[in-house]
């Protein structure tokens, strides 16, 4: 990777950091604290949220019938997701002990905290828990796969890919065969610490 690309990647990372700071400033306007993993709102804020909660009757009345009818299909995906979750646990334990590199922590990806929002009714909270689990698990699986790819095959594709994980830009170029094994070893040492 040449210096121009390295500098551009550094600039992008700096902009991501600045974006994160701006988002944090905006989110700081909502008063809550996290204590022992639980979200706590000020009583006044929670009361205000509950005033904006839609009753179950209203929620069911406004939900299109086809949405309700298709919900079992949506929720059945939780079973293969749970199987994937179990397989990722086994995979992570085996691969990290054999190849001696760390994987990200599951609880950094699968986060359940939307149930503390006072403006959500029980059905909305269940929907949010489903989405938190499913999307968090998919992101976690992607993070595990990206670290695996970094170790076993850190080579960019010749074709453009729709999604690039955090390590992809550091991968070796497609067809970059010169000193491949040396570059592979250095890339692993630099990124799999």
N, C-alpha and C. Protein backbone atom coordinates (compact mmCIF):
# COMPACT_ATOMS: atom_id res chain seq x y z
N UNK A 1 0.85 -1.17 0.00
CA UNK A 1 0.00 0.00 0.00
C UNK A 1 0.90 1.24 0.00
N UNK A 2 0.63 2.17 -0.90
CA UNK A 2 1.50 3.34 -0.98
C UNK A 2 1.12 4.39 0.07
N UNK A 3 1.98 5.39 0.20
CA UNK A 3 1.79 6.42 1.24
C UNK A 3 0.53 7.24 1.03
N UNK A 4 0.16 7.51 -0.21
CA UNK A 4 -1.05 8.29 -0.49
C UNK A 4 -2.28 7.57 0.07
N UNK A 5 -2.35 6.27 -0.17
CA UNK A 5 -3.48 5.48 0.34
C UNK A 5 -3.46 5.44 1.86
N UNK A 6 -2.28 5.25 2.44
CA UNK A 6 -2.16 5.24 3.90
C UNK A 6 -2.63 6.56 4.50
N UNK A 7 -2.24 7.67 3.89
CA UNK A 7 -2.67 8.99 4.37
C UNK A 7 -4.17 9.18 4.24
N UNK A 8 -4.73 8.71 3.14
CA UNK A 8 -6.18 8.84 2.95
C UNK A 8 -6.93 8.02 3.98
N UNK A 9 -6.44 6.82 4.28
CA UNK A 9 -7.06 5.98 5.30
C UNK A 9 -6.98 6.66 6.66
N UNK A 10 -5.84 7.25 6.96
CA UNK A 10 -5.69 7.98 8.23
C UNK A 10 -6.66 9.16 8.31
N UNK A 11 -6.84 9.86 7.19
CA UNK A 11 -7.79 10.98 7.14
C UNK A 11 -9.22 10.50 7.38
N UNK A 12 -9.56 9.38 6.77
CA UNK A 12 -10.91 8.82 6.95
C UNK A 12 -11.13 8.43 8.40
N UNK A 13 -10.13 7.81 9.01
CA UNK A 13 -10.26 7.42 10.42
C UNK A 13 -10.41 8.64 11.32
N UNK A 14 -9.69 9.72 10.99
CA UNK A 14 -9.81 10.95 11.77
C UNK A 14 -11.21 11.54 11.62
N UNK A 15 -11.75 11.51 10.41
CA UNK A 15 -13.11 12.02 10.19
C UNK A 15 -14.14 11.15 10.92
N UNK A 16 -13.94 9.85 10.93
CA UNK A 16 -14.84 8.97 11.68
C UNK A 16 -14.82 9.32 13.16
N UNK A 17 -13.64 9.60 13.67
CA UNK A 17 -13.51 9.98 15.08
C UNK A 17 -14.25 11.28 15.36
N UNK A 18 -14.08 12.27 14.47
CA UNK A 18 -14.78 13.55 14.64
C UNK A 18 -16.29 13.36 14.55
N UNK A 19 -16.73 12.51 13.63
CA UNK A 19 -18.15 12.22 13.50
C UNK A 19 -18.68 11.60 14.80
N UNK A 20 -17.92 10.66 15.36
CA UNK A 20 -18.31 10.04 16.62
C UNK A 20 -18.45 11.06 17.74
N UNK A 21 -17.53 12.01 17.79
CA UNK A 21 -17.59 13.06 18.81
C UNK A 21 -18.84 13.92 18.64
N UNK A 22 -19.17 14.26 17.42
CA UNK A 22 -20.36 15.08 17.15
C UNK A 22 -21.64 14.33 17.52
N UNK A 23 -21.67 13.06 17.21
CA UNK A 23 -22.84 12.24 17.56
C UNK A 23 -22.98 12.16 19.08
N UNK A 24 -21.86 11.99 19.78
CA UNK A 24 -21.90 11.95 21.25
C UNK A 24 -22.42 13.27 21.83
N UNK A 25 -22.02 14.38 21.25
CA UNK A 25 -22.52 15.68 21.71
C UNK A 25 -24.03 15.77 21.55
N UNK A 26 -24.51 15.32 20.41
CA UNK A 26 -25.95 15.35 20.15
C UNK A 26 -26.69 14.42 21.11
N UNK A 27 -26.15 13.23 21.34
CA UNK A 27 -26.81 12.28 22.22
C UNK A 27 -26.74 12.69 23.69
N UNK A 28 -25.80 13.56 24.03
CA UNK A 28 -25.67 14.02 25.42
C UNK A 28 -26.86 14.85 25.86
N UNK A 29 -27.67 15.29 24.90
CA UNK A 29 -28.85 16.08 25.24
C UNK A 29 -29.93 15.25 25.92
N UNK A 30 -29.89 13.94 25.76
CA UNK A 30 -30.83 13.04 26.43
C UNK A 30 -30.17 12.61 27.74
N UNK A 31 -30.87 12.84 28.84
CA UNK A 31 -30.28 12.57 30.16
C UNK A 31 -30.47 11.12 30.58
N UNK A 32 -29.39 10.38 30.57
CA UNK A 32 -29.41 9.02 31.10
C UNK A 32 -28.01 8.67 31.59
N UNK A 33 -27.96 7.65 32.45
CA UNK A 33 -26.70 7.14 32.97
C UNK A 33 -26.72 5.63 32.78
N UNK A 34 -25.54 5.08 32.67
CA UNK A 34 -25.43 3.62 32.61
C UNK A 34 -24.79 3.17 33.91
N UNK A 35 -25.55 2.39 34.70
CA UNK A 35 -25.06 1.89 35.99
C UNK A 35 -25.12 0.37 35.97
N UNK A 36 -23.98 -0.26 36.16
CA UNK A 36 -23.89 -1.72 36.19
C UNK A 36 -24.55 -2.36 34.97
N UNK A 37 -24.40 -1.74 33.82
CA UNK A 37 -24.95 -2.28 32.58
C UNK A 37 -26.40 -1.93 32.32
N UNK A 38 -27.04 -1.22 33.25
CA UNK A 38 -28.43 -0.83 33.08
C UNK A 38 -28.51 0.66 32.77
N UNK A 39 -29.47 1.02 31.92
CA UNK A 39 -29.66 2.42 31.57
C UNK A 39 -30.69 3.01 32.54
N UNK A 40 -30.34 4.15 33.10
CA UNK A 40 -31.25 4.85 34.01
C UNK A 40 -31.50 6.25 33.47
N UNK A 41 -32.79 6.59 33.35
CA UNK A 41 -33.19 7.93 32.95
C UNK A 41 -33.58 8.71 34.19
N UNK A 42 -33.48 10.02 34.09
CA UNK A 42 -34.02 10.86 35.15
C UNK A 42 -35.53 10.65 35.17
N UNK A 43 -36.14 10.73 36.36
CA UNK A 43 -37.57 10.45 36.49
C UNK A 43 -38.41 11.33 35.57
N UNK A 44 -38.05 12.59 35.48
CA UNK A 44 -38.79 13.52 34.63
C UNK A 44 -38.72 13.08 33.16
N UNK A 45 -37.55 12.68 32.72
CA UNK A 45 -37.36 12.24 31.34
C UNK A 45 -38.16 10.96 31.07
N UNK A 46 -38.13 10.01 32.01
CA UNK A 46 -38.86 8.76 31.85
C UNK A 46 -40.37 9.02 31.81
N UNK A 47 -40.86 9.92 32.64
CA UNK A 47 -42.28 10.27 32.62
C UNK A 47 -42.68 10.87 31.28
N UNK A 48 -41.83 11.74 30.76
CA UNK A 48 -42.09 12.36 29.46
C UNK A 48 -42.11 11.30 28.36
N UNK A 49 -41.19 10.34 28.45
CA UNK A 49 -41.16 9.27 27.45
C UNK A 49 -42.44 8.45 27.50
N UNK A 50 -42.91 8.12 28.72
CA UNK A 50 -44.11 7.28 28.85
C UNK A 50 -45.34 7.98 28.31
N UNK A 51 -45.36 9.30 28.35
CA UNK A 51 -46.47 10.06 27.77
C UNK A 51 -46.55 9.84 26.26
N UNK A 52 -45.43 9.54 25.64
CA UNK A 52 -45.37 9.35 24.19
C UNK A 52 -45.48 7.89 23.76
N UNK A 53 -45.77 6.99 24.72
CA UNK A 53 -45.89 5.58 24.38
C UNK A 53 -47.25 5.30 23.74
N UNK A 54 -47.22 4.53 22.67
CA UNK A 54 -48.45 4.13 21.99
C UNK A 54 -49.00 2.90 22.71
N UNK A 55 -50.29 2.90 22.99
CA UNK A 55 -50.88 1.75 23.68
C UNK A 55 -50.84 0.53 22.77
N UNK A 56 -50.93 -0.65 23.36
CA UNK A 56 -50.94 -1.88 22.56
C UNK A 56 -52.14 -1.89 21.62
N UNK A 57 -53.27 -1.42 22.10
CA UNK A 57 -54.47 -1.37 21.26
C UNK A 57 -54.21 -0.52 20.01
N UNK A 58 -53.67 0.65 20.21
CA UNK A 58 -53.36 1.54 19.07
C UNK A 58 -52.34 0.88 18.14
N UNK A 59 -51.31 0.28 18.75
CA UNK A 59 -50.24 -0.32 17.96
C UNK A 59 -50.78 -1.43 17.07
N UNK A 60 -51.58 -2.35 17.66
CA UNK A 60 -52.14 -3.44 16.86
C UNK A 60 -53.13 -2.91 15.82
N UNK A 61 -53.89 -1.89 16.18
CA UNK A 61 -54.87 -1.32 15.25
C UNK A 61 -54.17 -0.67 14.04
N UNK A 62 -53.00 -0.10 14.25
CA UNK A 62 -52.30 0.60 13.16
C UNK A 62 -51.35 -0.29 12.36
N UNK A 63 -51.07 -1.47 12.89
CA UNK A 63 -50.15 -2.38 12.19
C UNK A 63 -50.90 -3.07 11.06
N UNK A 64 -50.40 -2.98 9.83
CA UNK A 64 -51.07 -3.65 8.71
C UNK A 64 -51.19 -5.15 8.96
N UNK A 65 -52.32 -5.71 8.55
CA UNK A 65 -52.61 -7.12 8.79
C UNK A 65 -51.52 -8.03 8.22
N UNK A 66 -51.02 -7.72 7.02
CA UNK A 66 -49.98 -8.56 6.42
C UNK A 66 -48.69 -8.55 7.25
N UNK A 67 -48.42 -7.44 7.93
CA UNK A 67 -47.25 -7.39 8.81
C UNK A 67 -47.43 -8.38 9.97
N UNK A 68 -48.61 -8.37 10.55
CA UNK A 68 -48.89 -9.30 11.65
C UNK A 68 -48.85 -10.74 11.15
N UNK A 69 -49.41 -10.96 9.98
CA UNK A 69 -49.47 -12.31 9.41
C UNK A 69 -48.08 -12.86 9.09
N UNK A 70 -47.18 -11.98 8.66
CA UNK A 70 -45.83 -12.43 8.29
C UNK A 70 -44.87 -12.48 9.48
N UNK A 71 -45.28 -11.99 10.62
CA UNK A 71 -44.36 -11.93 11.77
C UNK A 71 -43.80 -13.28 12.20
N UNK A 72 -44.56 -14.40 12.11
CA UNK A 72 -43.93 -15.68 12.47
C UNK A 72 -42.72 -16.02 11.58
N UNK A 73 -42.79 -15.65 10.30
CA UNK A 73 -41.66 -15.90 9.39
C UNK A 73 -40.45 -15.07 9.85
N UNK A 74 -40.70 -13.83 10.21
CA UNK A 74 -39.62 -12.96 10.67
C UNK A 74 -39.00 -13.54 11.95
N UNK A 75 -39.84 -13.88 12.91
CA UNK A 75 -39.33 -14.34 14.20
C UNK A 75 -38.74 -15.75 14.16
N UNK A 76 -39.09 -16.57 13.15
CA UNK A 76 -38.49 -17.90 13.03
C UNK A 76 -36.99 -17.82 12.78
N UNK A 77 -36.52 -16.69 12.27
CA UNK A 77 -35.09 -16.53 12.01
C UNK A 77 -34.26 -16.55 13.29
N UNK A 78 -34.92 -16.42 14.43
CA UNK A 78 -34.19 -16.44 15.69
C UNK A 78 -33.55 -17.81 15.92
N UNK A 79 -34.17 -18.88 15.41
CA UNK A 79 -33.62 -20.22 15.63
C UNK A 79 -32.31 -20.45 14.89
N UNK A 80 -32.22 -20.15 13.58
CA UNK A 80 -30.90 -20.27 12.95
C UNK A 80 -29.89 -19.28 13.52
N UNK A 81 -30.37 -18.11 13.97
CA UNK A 81 -29.46 -17.14 14.59
C UNK A 81 -28.87 -17.71 15.88
N UNK A 82 -29.69 -18.37 16.67
CA UNK A 82 -29.18 -18.97 17.92
C UNK A 82 -28.18 -20.09 17.61
N UNK A 83 -28.44 -20.86 16.57
CA UNK A 83 -27.49 -21.90 16.16
C UNK A 83 -26.18 -21.27 15.71
N UNK A 84 -26.26 -20.20 14.93
CA UNK A 84 -25.06 -19.47 14.52
C UNK A 84 -24.31 -18.95 15.74
N UNK A 85 -25.03 -18.43 16.70
CA UNK A 85 -24.43 -17.90 17.93
C UNK A 85 -23.63 -18.99 18.65
N UNK A 86 -24.20 -20.17 18.76
CA UNK A 86 -23.52 -21.29 19.40
C UNK A 86 -22.28 -21.70 18.61
N UNK A 87 -22.42 -21.77 17.28
CA UNK A 87 -21.29 -22.16 16.43
C UNK A 87 -20.17 -21.11 16.49
N UNK A 88 -20.53 -19.85 16.56
CA UNK A 88 -19.51 -18.80 16.68
C UNK A 88 -18.76 -18.92 18.00
N UNK A 89 -19.47 -19.27 19.05
CA UNK A 89 -18.83 -19.47 20.36
C UNK A 89 -17.79 -20.59 20.27
N UNK A 90 -18.18 -21.71 19.69
CA UNK A 90 -17.25 -22.85 19.54
C UNK A 90 -16.08 -22.47 18.64
N UNK A 91 -16.39 -21.87 17.50
CA UNK A 91 -15.37 -21.46 16.54
C UNK A 91 -14.35 -20.53 17.21
N UNK A 92 -14.85 -19.54 17.91
CA UNK A 92 -13.99 -18.55 18.57
C UNK A 92 -13.05 -19.22 19.58
N UNK A 93 -13.60 -20.13 20.38
CA UNK A 93 -12.78 -20.82 21.39
C UNK A 93 -11.70 -21.67 20.74
N UNK A 94 -12.05 -22.43 19.73
CA UNK A 94 -11.09 -23.32 19.07
C UNK A 94 -10.03 -22.53 18.32
N UNK A 95 -10.48 -21.62 17.46
CA UNK A 95 -9.54 -20.90 16.60
C UNK A 95 -8.62 -19.99 17.41
N UNK A 96 -9.15 -19.30 18.41
CA UNK A 96 -8.29 -18.41 19.19
C UNK A 96 -7.25 -19.19 19.98
N UNK A 97 -7.59 -20.40 20.44
CA UNK A 97 -6.60 -21.17 21.19
C UNK A 97 -5.56 -21.81 20.28
N UNK A 98 -5.94 -22.18 19.07
CA UNK A 98 -5.00 -22.82 18.15
C UNK A 98 -4.09 -21.78 17.47
N UNK A 99 -4.69 -20.70 16.97
CA UNK A 99 -3.92 -19.72 16.19
C UNK A 99 -3.41 -18.54 17.01
N UNK A 100 -3.79 -18.48 18.26
CA UNK A 100 -3.27 -17.49 19.22
C UNK A 100 -3.52 -16.04 18.80
N UNK A 101 -4.72 -15.76 18.35
CA UNK A 101 -5.10 -14.36 18.18
C UNK A 101 -6.49 -14.16 18.75
N UNK A 102 -6.75 -12.93 19.13
CA UNK A 102 -8.01 -12.62 19.81
C UNK A 102 -9.09 -12.24 18.83
N UNK A 103 -10.32 -12.52 19.24
CA UNK A 103 -11.49 -12.09 18.51
C UNK A 103 -12.17 -11.01 19.32
N UNK A 104 -13.02 -10.23 18.69
CA UNK A 104 -13.76 -9.21 19.45
C UNK A 104 -14.71 -9.88 20.44
N UNK A 105 -15.15 -9.11 21.42
CA UNK A 105 -16.08 -9.63 22.42
C UNK A 105 -17.50 -9.52 21.90
N UNK A 106 -18.28 -10.54 22.14
CA UNK A 106 -19.67 -10.59 21.68
C UNK A 106 -20.49 -9.44 22.24
N UNK A 107 -20.28 -9.09 23.50
CA UNK A 107 -21.11 -8.06 24.13
C UNK A 107 -20.82 -6.65 23.59
N UNK A 108 -19.81 -6.50 22.75
CA UNK A 108 -19.58 -5.23 22.08
C UNK A 108 -20.47 -5.09 20.84
N UNK A 109 -21.05 -6.19 20.41
CA UNK A 109 -21.88 -6.21 19.21
C UNK A 109 -23.35 -6.49 19.51
N UNK A 110 -23.59 -7.45 20.37
CA UNK A 110 -24.97 -7.80 20.74
C UNK A 110 -25.31 -7.01 22.00
N UNK A 111 -26.04 -5.93 21.81
CA UNK A 111 -26.33 -5.00 22.90
C UNK A 111 -27.84 -4.90 23.08
N UNK A 112 -28.29 -5.12 24.29
CA UNK A 112 -29.71 -4.98 24.63
C UNK A 112 -29.86 -3.80 25.57
N UNK A 113 -30.38 -2.68 25.06
CA UNK A 113 -30.61 -1.53 25.93
C UNK A 113 -31.84 -0.72 25.55
N UNK A 114 -32.49 -1.10 24.47
CA UNK A 114 -33.65 -0.32 24.03
C UNK A 114 -34.89 -0.57 24.90
N UNK A 115 -34.87 -1.65 25.67
CA UNK A 115 -36.02 -1.95 26.52
C UNK A 115 -36.17 -0.93 27.65
N UNK A 116 -35.18 -0.10 27.87
CA UNK A 116 -35.25 0.93 28.91
C UNK A 116 -35.97 2.19 28.44
N UNK A 117 -36.26 2.27 27.16
CA UNK A 117 -36.92 3.46 26.61
C UNK A 117 -38.39 3.45 27.00
N UNK A 118 -38.82 4.47 27.69
CA UNK A 118 -40.18 4.54 28.20
C UNK A 118 -41.25 4.75 27.15
N UNK A 119 -40.89 5.19 25.95
CA UNK A 119 -41.88 5.46 24.92
C UNK A 119 -42.19 4.25 24.05
N UNK A 120 -41.55 3.12 24.34
CA UNK A 120 -41.84 1.90 23.59
C UNK A 120 -42.79 1.01 24.38
N UNK A 121 -43.81 0.48 23.71
CA UNK A 121 -44.69 -0.48 24.38
C UNK A 121 -44.04 -1.86 24.34
N UNK A 122 -44.68 -2.85 24.92
CA UNK A 122 -44.07 -4.17 25.05
C UNK A 122 -43.77 -4.80 23.69
N UNK A 123 -44.65 -4.62 22.70
CA UNK A 123 -44.41 -5.19 21.38
C UNK A 123 -43.22 -4.52 20.69
N UNK A 124 -43.13 -3.22 20.85
CA UNK A 124 -42.00 -2.50 20.26
C UNK A 124 -40.69 -2.90 20.94
N UNK A 125 -40.75 -3.14 22.23
CA UNK A 125 -39.54 -3.58 22.95
C UNK A 125 -39.12 -4.98 22.49
N UNK A 126 -40.09 -5.86 22.29
CA UNK A 126 -39.77 -7.21 21.78
C UNK A 126 -39.15 -7.11 20.39
N UNK A 127 -39.75 -6.27 19.54
CA UNK A 127 -39.19 -6.08 18.19
C UNK A 127 -37.76 -5.54 18.27
N UNK A 128 -37.54 -4.59 19.17
CA UNK A 128 -36.20 -4.01 19.31
C UNK A 128 -35.19 -5.05 19.83
N UNK A 129 -35.63 -5.90 20.74
CA UNK A 129 -34.72 -6.93 21.24
C UNK A 129 -34.35 -7.91 20.13
N UNK A 130 -35.33 -8.28 19.30
CA UNK A 130 -35.08 -9.15 18.16
C UNK A 130 -34.05 -8.52 17.22
N UNK A 131 -34.27 -7.26 16.87
CA UNK A 131 -33.36 -6.57 15.94
C UNK A 131 -31.97 -6.38 16.55
N UNK A 132 -31.93 -6.06 17.84
CA UNK A 132 -30.63 -5.90 18.51
C UNK A 132 -29.86 -7.21 18.47
N UNK A 133 -30.55 -8.31 18.75
CA UNK A 133 -29.88 -9.61 18.74
C UNK A 133 -29.43 -9.98 17.34
N UNK A 134 -30.36 -9.92 16.39
CA UNK A 134 -30.05 -10.39 15.04
C UNK A 134 -28.98 -9.54 14.38
N UNK A 135 -29.14 -8.23 14.39
CA UNK A 135 -28.15 -7.36 13.74
C UNK A 135 -26.82 -7.37 14.47
N UNK A 136 -26.87 -7.39 15.80
CA UNK A 136 -25.64 -7.48 16.58
C UNK A 136 -24.89 -8.77 16.29
N UNK A 137 -25.64 -9.86 16.21
CA UNK A 137 -25.02 -11.16 15.93
C UNK A 137 -24.40 -11.19 14.54
N UNK A 138 -25.09 -10.60 13.55
CA UNK A 138 -24.53 -10.57 12.19
C UNK A 138 -23.26 -9.72 12.15
N UNK A 139 -23.25 -8.61 12.86
CA UNK A 139 -22.05 -7.77 12.92
C UNK A 139 -20.92 -8.51 13.63
N UNK A 140 -21.27 -9.24 14.68
CA UNK A 140 -20.27 -10.03 15.43
C UNK A 140 -19.70 -11.13 14.53
N UNK A 141 -20.58 -11.81 13.80
CA UNK A 141 -20.12 -12.85 12.87
C UNK A 141 -19.20 -12.26 11.82
N UNK A 142 -19.54 -11.08 11.32
CA UNK A 142 -18.71 -10.41 10.33
C UNK A 142 -17.35 -10.04 10.93
N UNK A 143 -17.34 -9.59 12.18
CA UNK A 143 -16.07 -9.24 12.83
C UNK A 143 -15.19 -10.47 12.99
N UNK A 144 -15.79 -11.59 13.34
CA UNK A 144 -15.02 -12.84 13.47
C UNK A 144 -14.50 -13.27 12.10
N UNK A 145 -15.35 -13.19 11.09
CA UNK A 145 -14.94 -13.57 9.74
C UNK A 145 -13.83 -12.66 9.22
N UNK A 146 -13.90 -11.37 9.55
CA UNK A 146 -12.87 -10.45 9.05
C UNK A 146 -11.52 -10.74 9.69
N UNK A 147 -11.51 -11.09 10.97
CA UNK A 147 -10.23 -11.44 11.62
C UNK A 147 -9.70 -12.77 11.06
N UNK A 148 -10.60 -13.67 10.75
CA UNK A 148 -10.20 -14.95 10.15
C UNK A 148 -9.59 -14.70 8.77
N UNK A 149 -10.25 -13.86 7.98
CA UNK A 149 -9.74 -13.54 6.65
C UNK A 149 -8.40 -12.83 6.75
N UNK A 150 -8.24 -11.97 7.73
CA UNK A 150 -6.98 -11.26 7.93
C UNK A 150 -5.84 -12.25 8.16
N UNK A 151 -6.13 -13.32 8.86
CA UNK A 151 -5.09 -14.31 9.13
C UNK A 151 -4.84 -15.22 7.93
N UNK A 152 -5.90 -15.74 7.34
CA UNK A 152 -5.74 -16.77 6.32
C UNK A 152 -5.59 -16.25 4.89
N UNK A 153 -6.23 -15.14 4.57
CA UNK A 153 -6.20 -14.70 3.17
C UNK A 153 -6.40 -13.19 3.06
N UNK A 154 -5.44 -12.41 3.53
CA UNK A 154 -5.60 -10.95 3.48
C UNK A 154 -5.23 -10.36 2.12
N UNK A 155 -6.00 -10.73 1.12
CA UNK A 155 -5.77 -10.25 -0.24
C UNK A 155 -7.06 -9.60 -0.72
N UNK A 156 -6.93 -8.40 -1.27
CA UNK A 156 -8.11 -7.71 -1.79
C UNK A 156 -8.65 -8.46 -3.00
N UNK A 157 -9.92 -8.27 -3.28
CA UNK A 157 -10.54 -8.87 -4.46
C UNK A 157 -10.24 -8.02 -5.69
N UNK A 158 -10.24 -8.64 -6.84
CA UNK A 158 -10.07 -7.91 -8.09
C UNK A 158 -11.33 -7.10 -8.37
N UNK A 159 -12.49 -7.68 -8.03
CA UNK A 159 -13.77 -6.99 -8.25
C UNK A 159 -14.09 -6.15 -7.02
N UNK A 160 -14.90 -5.12 -7.22
CA UNK A 160 -15.33 -4.28 -6.11
C UNK A 160 -16.29 -5.07 -5.23
N UNK A 161 -16.16 -4.90 -3.91
CA UNK A 161 -17.06 -5.56 -2.98
C UNK A 161 -18.02 -4.52 -2.38
N UNK A 162 -19.21 -4.95 -2.05
CA UNK A 162 -20.23 -4.04 -1.53
C UNK A 162 -19.93 -3.61 -0.10
N UNK A 163 -19.26 -4.47 0.65
CA UNK A 163 -18.96 -4.17 2.05
C UNK A 163 -17.49 -4.47 2.31
N UNK A 164 -16.81 -3.53 2.94
CA UNK A 164 -15.41 -3.73 3.31
C UNK A 164 -15.31 -3.62 4.82
N UNK A 165 -14.79 -4.66 5.46
CA UNK A 165 -14.62 -4.63 6.91
C UNK A 165 -13.41 -3.77 7.27
N UNK A 166 -13.19 -3.58 8.55
CA UNK A 166 -12.18 -2.63 9.03
C UNK A 166 -10.75 -2.98 8.62
N UNK A 167 -10.47 -4.22 8.29
CA UNK A 167 -9.10 -4.62 7.94
C UNK A 167 -8.85 -4.61 6.43
N UNK A 168 -9.91 -4.55 5.65
CA UNK A 168 -9.81 -4.76 4.21
C UNK A 168 -8.82 -3.82 3.54
N UNK A 169 -8.83 -2.55 3.90
CA UNK A 169 -7.94 -1.60 3.24
C UNK A 169 -6.47 -1.91 3.47
N UNK A 170 -6.16 -2.61 4.55
CA UNK A 170 -4.77 -2.97 4.84
C UNK A 170 -4.33 -4.25 4.10
N UNK A 171 -5.27 -4.95 3.50
CA UNK A 171 -4.96 -6.20 2.80
C UNK A 171 -4.00 -5.93 1.65
N UNK A 172 -3.33 -6.98 1.24
CA UNK A 172 -2.41 -6.91 0.11
C UNK A 172 -3.20 -6.80 -1.18
N UNK A 173 -2.64 -6.12 -2.13
CA UNK A 173 -3.32 -5.92 -3.40
C UNK A 173 -3.49 -7.22 -4.18
N UNK A 174 -4.54 -7.29 -4.97
CA UNK A 174 -4.80 -8.44 -5.82
C UNK A 174 -3.65 -8.57 -6.82
N UNK A 175 -3.02 -9.72 -6.84
CA UNK A 175 -1.91 -9.95 -7.75
C UNK A 175 -0.56 -9.42 -7.25
N UNK A 176 -0.51 -8.95 -6.03
CA UNK A 176 0.73 -8.41 -5.45
C UNK A 176 1.57 -9.58 -4.90
N UNK A 177 2.25 -10.26 -5.83
CA UNK A 177 2.96 -11.48 -5.45
C UNK A 177 4.37 -11.25 -4.92
N UNK A 178 4.94 -10.08 -5.19
CA UNK A 178 6.30 -9.80 -4.77
C UNK A 178 6.44 -9.86 -3.25
N UNK A 179 7.26 -10.78 -2.77
CA UNK A 179 7.51 -10.97 -1.34
C UNK A 179 6.21 -11.19 -0.56
N UNK A 180 5.30 -11.95 -1.16
CA UNK A 180 3.98 -12.18 -0.55
C UNK A 180 4.09 -12.74 0.87
N UNK A 181 4.90 -13.77 1.05
CA UNK A 181 4.99 -14.41 2.36
C UNK A 181 5.54 -13.45 3.43
N UNK A 182 6.52 -12.64 3.08
CA UNK A 182 7.07 -11.65 4.02
C UNK A 182 6.02 -10.60 4.38
N UNK A 183 5.31 -10.11 3.36
CA UNK A 183 4.27 -9.11 3.59
C UNK A 183 3.13 -9.69 4.43
N UNK A 184 2.78 -10.95 4.16
CA UNK A 184 1.73 -11.62 4.91
C UNK A 184 2.11 -11.71 6.38
N UNK A 185 3.34 -12.11 6.65
CA UNK A 185 3.82 -12.24 8.02
C UNK A 185 3.80 -10.88 8.73
N UNK A 186 4.26 -9.84 8.06
CA UNK A 186 4.27 -8.50 8.66
C UNK A 186 2.86 -8.00 8.92
N UNK A 187 1.95 -8.22 7.98
CA UNK A 187 0.56 -7.80 8.14
C UNK A 187 -0.08 -8.48 9.36
N UNK A 188 0.16 -9.77 9.51
CA UNK A 188 -0.37 -10.49 10.67
C UNK A 188 0.20 -9.94 11.97
N UNK A 189 1.52 -9.70 11.97
CA UNK A 189 2.15 -9.18 13.19
C UNK A 189 1.63 -7.78 13.55
N UNK A 190 1.41 -6.95 12.54
CA UNK A 190 0.98 -5.58 12.79
C UNK A 190 -0.48 -5.46 13.22
N UNK A 191 -1.32 -6.37 12.75
CA UNK A 191 -2.76 -6.19 12.97
C UNK A 191 -3.40 -7.20 13.92
N UNK A 192 -2.80 -8.32 14.14
CA UNK A 192 -3.40 -9.34 15.01
C UNK A 192 -2.80 -9.36 16.41
N UNK A 193 -2.52 -8.21 16.94
CA UNK A 193 -1.92 -8.12 18.27
C UNK A 193 -2.97 -8.24 19.33
